[in-house]
C-alpha atoms as a PDB file:
ATOM      1  CA  UNK A   1     -25.593 -59.268 -58.098  1.00  0.00           C
ATOM      2  CA  UNK A   2     -22.103 -58.597 -59.384  1.00  0.00           C
ATOM      3  CA  UNK A   3     -21.341 -54.826 -59.150  1.00  0.00           C
ATOM      4  CA  UNK A   4     -20.393 -54.550 -62.780  1.00  0.00           C
ATOM      5  CA  UNK A   5     -23.747 -56.136 -63.827  1.00  0.00           C
ATOM      6  CA  UNK A   6     -25.791 -53.617 -61.775  1.00  0.00           C
ATOM      7  CA  UNK A   7     -27.648 -51.075 -63.840  1.00  0.00           C
ATOM      8  CA  UNK A   8     -26.424 -47.639 -62.817  1.00  0.00           C
ATOM      9  CA  UNK A   9     -27.377 -44.151 -64.028  1.00  0.00           C
ATOM     10  CA  UNK A  10     -24.395 -41.758 -64.165  1.00  0.00           C
ATOM     11  CA  UNK A  11     -24.466 -38.080 -64.910  1.00  0.00           C
ATOM     12  CA  UNK A  12     -24.339 -36.829 -68.421  1.00  0.00           C
ATOM     13  CA  UNK A  13     -22.749 -33.499 -68.620  1.00  0.00           C
ATOM     14  CA  UNK A  14     -21.635 -30.912 -71.184  1.00  0.00           C
ATOM     15  CA  UNK A  15     -18.066 -29.425 -71.683  1.00  0.00           C
ATOM     16  CA  UNK A  16     -18.633 -27.007 -68.683  1.00  0.00           C
ATOM     17  CA  UNK A  17     -19.630 -29.922 -66.371  1.00  0.00           C
ATOM     18  CA  UNK A  18     -23.241 -28.833 -66.257  1.00  0.00           C
ATOM     19  CA  UNK A  19     -25.643 -31.784 -65.743  1.00  0.00           C
ATOM     20  CA  UNK A  20     -27.830 -32.591 -68.717  1.00  0.00           C
ATOM     21  CA  UNK A  21     -29.511 -35.580 -67.242  1.00  0.00           C
ATOM     22  CA  UNK A  22     -28.613 -39.092 -66.576  1.00  0.00           C
ATOM     23  CA  UNK A  23     -27.426 -42.021 -68.837  1.00  0.00           C
ATOM     24  CA  UNK A  24     -26.952 -45.666 -68.291  1.00  0.00           C
ATOM     25  CA  UNK A  25     -23.308 -46.269 -67.373  1.00  0.00           C
ATOM     26  CA  UNK A  26     -22.733 -49.159 -69.870  1.00  0.00           C
ATOM     27  CA  UNK A  27     -24.332 -47.177 -72.811  1.00  0.00           C
ATOM     28  CA  UNK A  28     -22.167 -43.982 -71.918  1.00  0.00           C
ATOM     29  CA  UNK A  29     -19.103 -46.114 -72.217  1.00  0.00           C
ATOM     30  CA  UNK A  30     -20.094 -47.972 -75.329  1.00  0.00           C
ATOM     31  CA  UNK A  31     -21.184 -44.832 -77.183  1.00  0.00           C
ATOM     32  CA  UNK A  32     -18.480 -42.540 -75.626  1.00  0.00           C
ATOM     33  CA  UNK A  33     -21.062 -40.143 -74.224  1.00  0.00           C
ATOM     34  CA  UNK A  34     -19.661 -37.213 -72.269  1.00  0.00           C
ATOM     35  CA  UNK A  35     -20.226 -37.787 -68.474  1.00  0.00           C
ATOM     36  CA  UNK A  36     -18.922 -36.819 -65.030  1.00  0.00           C
ATOM     37  CA  UNK A  37     -16.285 -38.911 -63.084  1.00  0.00           C
ATOM     38  CA  UNK A  38     -13.919 -38.509 -60.225  1.00  0.00           C
ATOM     39  CA  UNK A  39     -10.610 -39.830 -59.153  1.00  0.00           C
ATOM     40  CA  UNK A  40      -9.050 -39.873 -55.744  1.00  0.00           C
ATOM     41  CA  UNK A  41      -5.332 -39.973 -55.322  1.00  0.00           C
ATOM     42  CA  UNK A  42      -4.301 -41.257 -51.936  1.00  0.00           C
ATOM     43  CA  UNK A  43      -0.726 -40.559 -50.505  1.00  0.00           C
ATOM     44  CA  UNK A  44       1.031 -42.749 -47.969  1.00  0.00           C
ATOM     45  CA  UNK A  45       4.321 -41.603 -46.832  1.00  0.00           C
ATOM     46  CA  UNK A  46       4.840 -39.379 -49.767  1.00  0.00           C
ATOM     47  CA  UNK A  47       3.992 -42.220 -52.182  1.00  0.00           C
ATOM     48  CA  UNK A  48       0.888 -42.416 -54.488  1.00  0.00           C
ATOM     49  CA  UNK A  49      -1.238 -45.541 -53.959  1.00  0.00           C
ATOM     50  CA  UNK A  50      -1.778 -46.882 -57.504  1.00  0.00           C
ATOM     51  CA  UNK A  51      -4.493 -49.316 -58.080  1.00  0.00           C
ATOM     52  CA  UNK A  52      -3.813 -52.088 -60.684  1.00  0.00           C
ATOM     53  CA  UNK A  53      -7.169 -51.765 -62.165  1.00  0.00           C
ATOM     54  CA  UNK A  54      -9.472 -55.006 -62.673  1.00  0.00           C
ATOM     55  CA  UNK A  55     -12.452 -53.651 -64.688  1.00  0.00           C
ATOM     56  CA  UNK A  56     -14.207 -54.107 -68.023  1.00  0.00           C
ATOM     57  CA  UNK A  57     -13.254 -50.663 -69.041  1.00  0.00           C
ATOM     58  CA  UNK A  58      -9.501 -50.207 -69.206  1.00  0.00           C
ATOM     59  CA  UNK A  59      -8.668 -53.398 -67.370  1.00  0.00           C
ATOM     60  CA  UNK A  60      -5.150 -54.228 -66.419  1.00  0.00           C
ATOM     61  CA  UNK A  61      -3.827 -50.667 -66.326  1.00  0.00           C
ATOM     62  CA  UNK A  62      -2.505 -48.659 -63.283  1.00  0.00           C
ATOM     63  CA  UNK A  63      -4.998 -46.075 -61.984  1.00  0.00           C
ATOM     64  CA  UNK A  64      -4.915 -43.592 -59.178  1.00  0.00           C
ATOM     65  CA  UNK A  65      -6.229 -45.145 -55.890  1.00  0.00           C
ATOM     66  CA  UNK A  66      -9.890 -45.038 -57.028  1.00  0.00           C
ATOM     67  CA  UNK A  67     -11.757 -43.831 -59.948  1.00  0.00           C
ATOM     68  CA  UNK A  68     -15.464 -43.963 -60.558  1.00  0.00           C
ATOM     69  CA  UNK A  69     -18.573 -41.890 -61.336  1.00  0.00           C
ATOM     70  CA  UNK A  70     -21.106 -39.816 -59.387  1.00  0.00           C
ATOM     71  CA  UNK A  71     -24.451 -41.465 -59.768  1.00  0.00           C
ATOM     72  CA  UNK A  72     -27.984 -40.083 -60.483  1.00  0.00           C
ATOM     73  CA  UNK A  73     -29.996 -40.998 -57.557  1.00  0.00           C
ATOM     74  CA  UNK A  74     -33.737 -40.346 -57.772  1.00  0.00           C
ATOM     75  CA  UNK A  75     -32.894 -37.791 -60.591  1.00  0.00           C
ATOM     76  CA  UNK A  76     -30.449 -35.848 -58.331  1.00  0.00           C
ATOM     77  CA  UNK A  77     -26.676 -35.866 -58.674  1.00  0.00           C
ATOM     78  CA  UNK A  78     -24.749 -37.731 -56.030  1.00  0.00           C
ATOM     79  CA  UNK A  79     -22.185 -35.258 -54.422  1.00  0.00           C
ATOM     80  CA  UNK A  80     -18.578 -35.991 -54.875  1.00  0.00           C
ATOM     81  CA  UNK A  81     -17.649 -36.829 -51.368  1.00  0.00           C
ATOM     82  CA  UNK A  82     -20.471 -39.338 -51.025  1.00  0.00           C
ATOM     83  CA  UNK A  83     -19.395 -41.036 -54.232  1.00  0.00           C
ATOM     84  CA  UNK A  84     -15.774 -41.027 -53.134  1.00  0.00           C
ATOM     85  CA  UNK A  85     -16.742 -42.586 -49.732  1.00  0.00           C
ATOM     86  CA  UNK A  86     -18.862 -45.274 -51.241  1.00  0.00           C
ATOM     87  CA  UNK A  87     -16.182 -46.175 -53.797  1.00  0.00           C
ATOM     88  CA  UNK A  88     -13.398 -46.158 -51.241  1.00  0.00           C
ATOM     89  CA  UNK A  89     -15.358 -48.603 -49.010  1.00  0.00           C
ATOM     90  CA  UNK A  90     -16.246 -50.727 -52.026  1.00  0.00           C
ATOM     91  CA  UNK A  91     -12.777 -51.002 -53.499  1.00  0.00           C
ATOM     92  CA  UNK A  92     -10.534 -50.788 -50.531  1.00  0.00           C
ATOM     93  CA  UNK A  93     -10.205 -51.658 -46.844  1.00  0.00           C
ATOM     94  CA  UNK A  94     -10.520 -47.846 -46.050  1.00  0.00           C
ATOM     95  CA  UNK A  95     -13.246 -45.438 -45.158  1.00  0.00           C
ATOM     96  CA  UNK A  96     -13.411 -41.737 -45.822  1.00  0.00           C
ATOM     97  CA  UNK A  97     -12.460 -41.305 -42.104  1.00  0.00           C
ATOM     98  CA  UNK A  98      -9.053 -43.059 -42.973  1.00  0.00           C
ATOM     99  CA  UNK A  99      -8.032 -39.916 -44.693  1.00  0.00           C
ATOM    100  CA  UNK A 100      -6.198 -37.452 -42.453  1.00  0.00           C
ATOM    101  CA  UNK A 101      -8.423 -34.713 -43.843  1.00  0.00           C
ATOM    102  CA  UNK A 102     -11.308 -34.405 -46.154  1.00  0.00           C
ATOM    103  CA  UNK A 103     -10.184 -35.099 -49.687  1.00  0.00           C
ATOM    104  CA  UNK A 104      -9.200 -31.842 -51.460  1.00  0.00           C
ATOM    105  CA  UNK A 105     -10.440 -31.035 -54.985  1.00  0.00           C
ATOM    106  CA  UNK A 106      -7.288 -30.039 -56.911  1.00  0.00           C
ATOM    107  CA  UNK A 107      -8.647 -29.761 -60.512  1.00  0.00           C
ATOM    108  CA  UNK A 108     -11.101 -30.786 -63.130  1.00  0.00           C
ATOM    109  CA  UNK A 109     -10.582 -31.572 -66.878  1.00  0.00           C
ATOM    110  CA  UNK A 110     -12.152 -33.182 -69.934  1.00  0.00           C
ATOM    111  CA  UNK A 111     -10.670 -36.056 -71.796  1.00  0.00           C
ATOM    112  CA  UNK A 112     -11.610 -38.772 -74.227  1.00  0.00           C
ATOM    113  CA  UNK A 113      -9.916 -42.151 -74.603  1.00  0.00           C
ATOM    114  CA  UNK A 114     -10.888 -45.355 -76.230  1.00  0.00           C
ATOM    115  CA  UNK A 115      -9.605 -48.909 -75.310  1.00  0.00           C
ATOM    116  CA  UNK A 116      -7.284 -50.457 -77.907  1.00  0.00           C
ATOM    117  CA  UNK A 117     -10.128 -52.895 -78.901  1.00  0.00           C
ATOM    118  CA  UNK A 118     -12.502 -49.948 -79.365  1.00  0.00           C
ATOM    119  CA  UNK A 119     -15.143 -51.582 -77.294  1.00  0.00           C
ATOM    120  CA  UNK A 120     -15.345 -48.858 -74.541  1.00  0.00           C
ATOM    121  CA  UNK A 121     -14.603 -45.159 -74.498  1.00  0.00           C
ATOM    122  CA  UNK A 122     -14.161 -42.977 -71.477  1.00  0.00           C
ATOM    123  CA  UNK A 123     -15.315 -39.424 -72.305  1.00  0.00           C
ATOM    124  CA  UNK A 124     -15.337 -37.694 -68.960  1.00  0.00           C
ATOM    125  CA  UNK A 125     -15.262 -34.323 -67.210  1.00  0.00           C
ATOM    126  CA  UNK A 126     -13.059 -35.664 -64.415  1.00  0.00           C
ATOM    127  CA  UNK A 127     -12.917 -34.218 -60.909  1.00  0.00           C
ATOM    128  CA  UNK A 128      -9.536 -34.845 -59.174  1.00  0.00           C
ATOM    129  CA  UNK A 129      -9.260 -35.172 -55.455  1.00  0.00           C
ATOM    130  CA  UNK A 130      -6.209 -35.793 -53.180  1.00  0.00           C
ATOM    131  CA  UNK A 131      -5.813 -36.962 -49.570  1.00  0.00           C
ATOM    132  CA  UNK A 132      -3.211 -38.410 -47.255  1.00  0.00           C
ATOM    133  CA  UNK A 133      -3.584 -41.748 -45.402  1.00  0.00           C
ATOM    134  CA  UNK A 134      -1.535 -43.438 -42.614  1.00  0.00           C
ATOM    135  CA  UNK A 135      -2.218 -47.060 -43.531  1.00  0.00           C
ATOM    136  CA  UNK A 136      -1.743 -48.750 -46.879  1.00  0.00           C
ATOM    137  CA  UNK A 137      -5.102 -50.035 -48.037  1.00  0.00           C
ATOM    138  CA  UNK A 138      -5.952 -53.571 -48.896  1.00  0.00           C
ATOM    139  CA  UNK A 139      -7.528 -53.631 -52.354  1.00  0.00           C
ATOM    140  CA  UNK A 140     -10.719 -55.577 -52.979  1.00  0.00           C
ATOM    141  CA  UNK A 141      -9.807 -58.336 -55.494  1.00  0.00           C
ATOM    142  CA  UNK A 142     -13.058 -57.761 -57.241  1.00  0.00           C
ATOM    143  CA  UNK A 143     -11.824 -54.451 -58.437  1.00  0.00           C
ATOM    144  CA  UNK A 144      -8.089 -54.520 -58.300  1.00  0.00           C
ATOM    145  CA  UNK A 145      -5.295 -56.997 -59.133  1.00  0.00           C
ATOM    146  CA  UNK A 146      -3.204 -55.291 -56.558  1.00  0.00           C
ATOM    147  CA  UNK A 147      -1.481 -51.958 -55.822  1.00  0.00           C
ATOM    148  CA  UNK A 148       1.802 -50.225 -56.178  1.00  0.00           C
ATOM    149  CA  UNK A 149       3.386 -47.305 -54.249  1.00  0.00           C
ATOM    150  CA  UNK A 150       5.422 -44.766 -56.125  1.00  0.00           C
ATOM    151  CA  UNK A 151       6.427 -41.164 -55.577  1.00  0.00           C
ATOM    152  CA  UNK A 152       5.195 -38.613 -57.975  1.00  0.00           C
ATOM    153  CA  UNK A 153       8.723 -38.290 -59.362  1.00  0.00           C
ATOM    154  CA  UNK A 154       9.059 -42.028 -59.803  1.00  0.00           C
ATOM    155  CA  UNK A 155       5.842 -41.960 -61.785  1.00  0.00           C
ATOM    156  CA  UNK A 156       6.877 -39.015 -63.922  1.00  0.00           C
ATOM    157  CA  UNK A 157      10.338 -40.482 -64.586  1.00  0.00           C
ATOM    158  CA  UNK A 158       9.101 -43.983 -65.324  1.00  0.00           C
ATOM    159  CA  UNK A 159      10.109 -45.752 -68.465  1.00  0.00           C
ATOM    160  CA  UNK A 160       7.622 -45.638 -71.348  1.00  0.00           C
ATOM    161  CA  UNK A 161       6.512 -49.218 -70.676  1.00  0.00           C
ATOM    162  CA  UNK A 162       5.093 -48.198 -67.220  1.00  0.00           C
ATOM    163  CA  UNK A 163       3.687 -44.824 -68.378  1.00  0.00           C
ATOM    164  CA  UNK A 164       1.839 -46.638 -71.192  1.00  0.00           C
ATOM    165  CA  UNK A 165       0.202 -48.994 -68.502  1.00  0.00           C
ATOM    166  CA  UNK A 166      -1.276 -45.946 -66.807  1.00  0.00           C
ATOM    167  CA  UNK A 167      -5.025 -45.325 -67.341  1.00  0.00           C
ATOM    168  CA  UNK A 168      -5.507 -42.464 -69.902  1.00  0.00           C
ATOM    169  CA  UNK A 169      -6.925 -40.207 -67.238  1.00  0.00           C
ATOM    170  CA  UNK A 170      -3.856 -40.788 -65.004  1.00  0.00           C
ATOM    171  CA  UNK A 171      -1.551 -39.896 -67.906  1.00  0.00           C
ATOM    172  CA  UNK A 172      -3.539 -36.639 -68.384  1.00  0.00           C
ATOM    173  CA  UNK A 173      -3.259 -35.833 -64.674  1.00  0.00           C
ATOM    174  CA  UNK A 174       0.443 -36.104 -64.991  1.00  0.00           C
ATOM    175  CA  UNK A 175       0.573 -33.766 -67.947  1.00  0.00           C
ATOM    176  CA  UNK A 176      -1.536 -31.243 -66.027  1.00  0.00           C
ATOM    177  CA  UNK A 177       0.487 -31.525 -62.928  1.00  0.00           C
ATOM    178  CA  UNK A 178      -2.449 -32.641 -60.805  1.00  0.00           C
ATOM    179  CA  UNK A 179      -0.619 -35.414 -58.902  1.00  0.00           C
ATOM    180  CA  UNK A 180       0.108 -33.095 -55.879  1.00  0.00           C
ATOM    181  CA  UNK A 181       0.170 -33.885 -52.298  1.00  0.00           C
ATOM    182  CA  UNK A 182      -2.302 -32.232 -49.991  1.00  0.00           C
ATOM    183  CA  UNK A 183      -0.634 -30.091 -47.298  1.00  0.00           C
ATOM    184  CA  UNK A 184      -1.323 -32.154 -44.186  1.00  0.00           C
END
């Protein structure tokens, strides 16, 4: 079965990121229900690995390396690092062990953004993680059109056309100064 067609239960949360229960992923995005998500920003040689997103929600925009949702598995919340590891393996050629150190949590924020066509809305409490890698990943063509490598300064100083192609959560991360390299 195609990954995007698989039914998945994600974590419905309140504004304080407390779990209220689970909700079908597609329903959450169609109705704009607040849920938990994560993003992992990978740095290779001081450059951010940006994914050119291939997805039914916010397709054809530039995203941080991977972004997804923690699942509800047997009515229990999936932990962040497990969700990150599974997404990293699914969407790239990397494993969690490809990171120089365990991904570091650098911030959490809430945002809401609807696609231009109004079909889907991301309404998330987003947990942001960063890590460094030694090899540029190969992106899985099911999930990405490709990738781009840019320094944080290049992203911040990009022309409006590129900034407008960034996923809304990536734009919010820039505003909140969460695109920061881990120390290793």
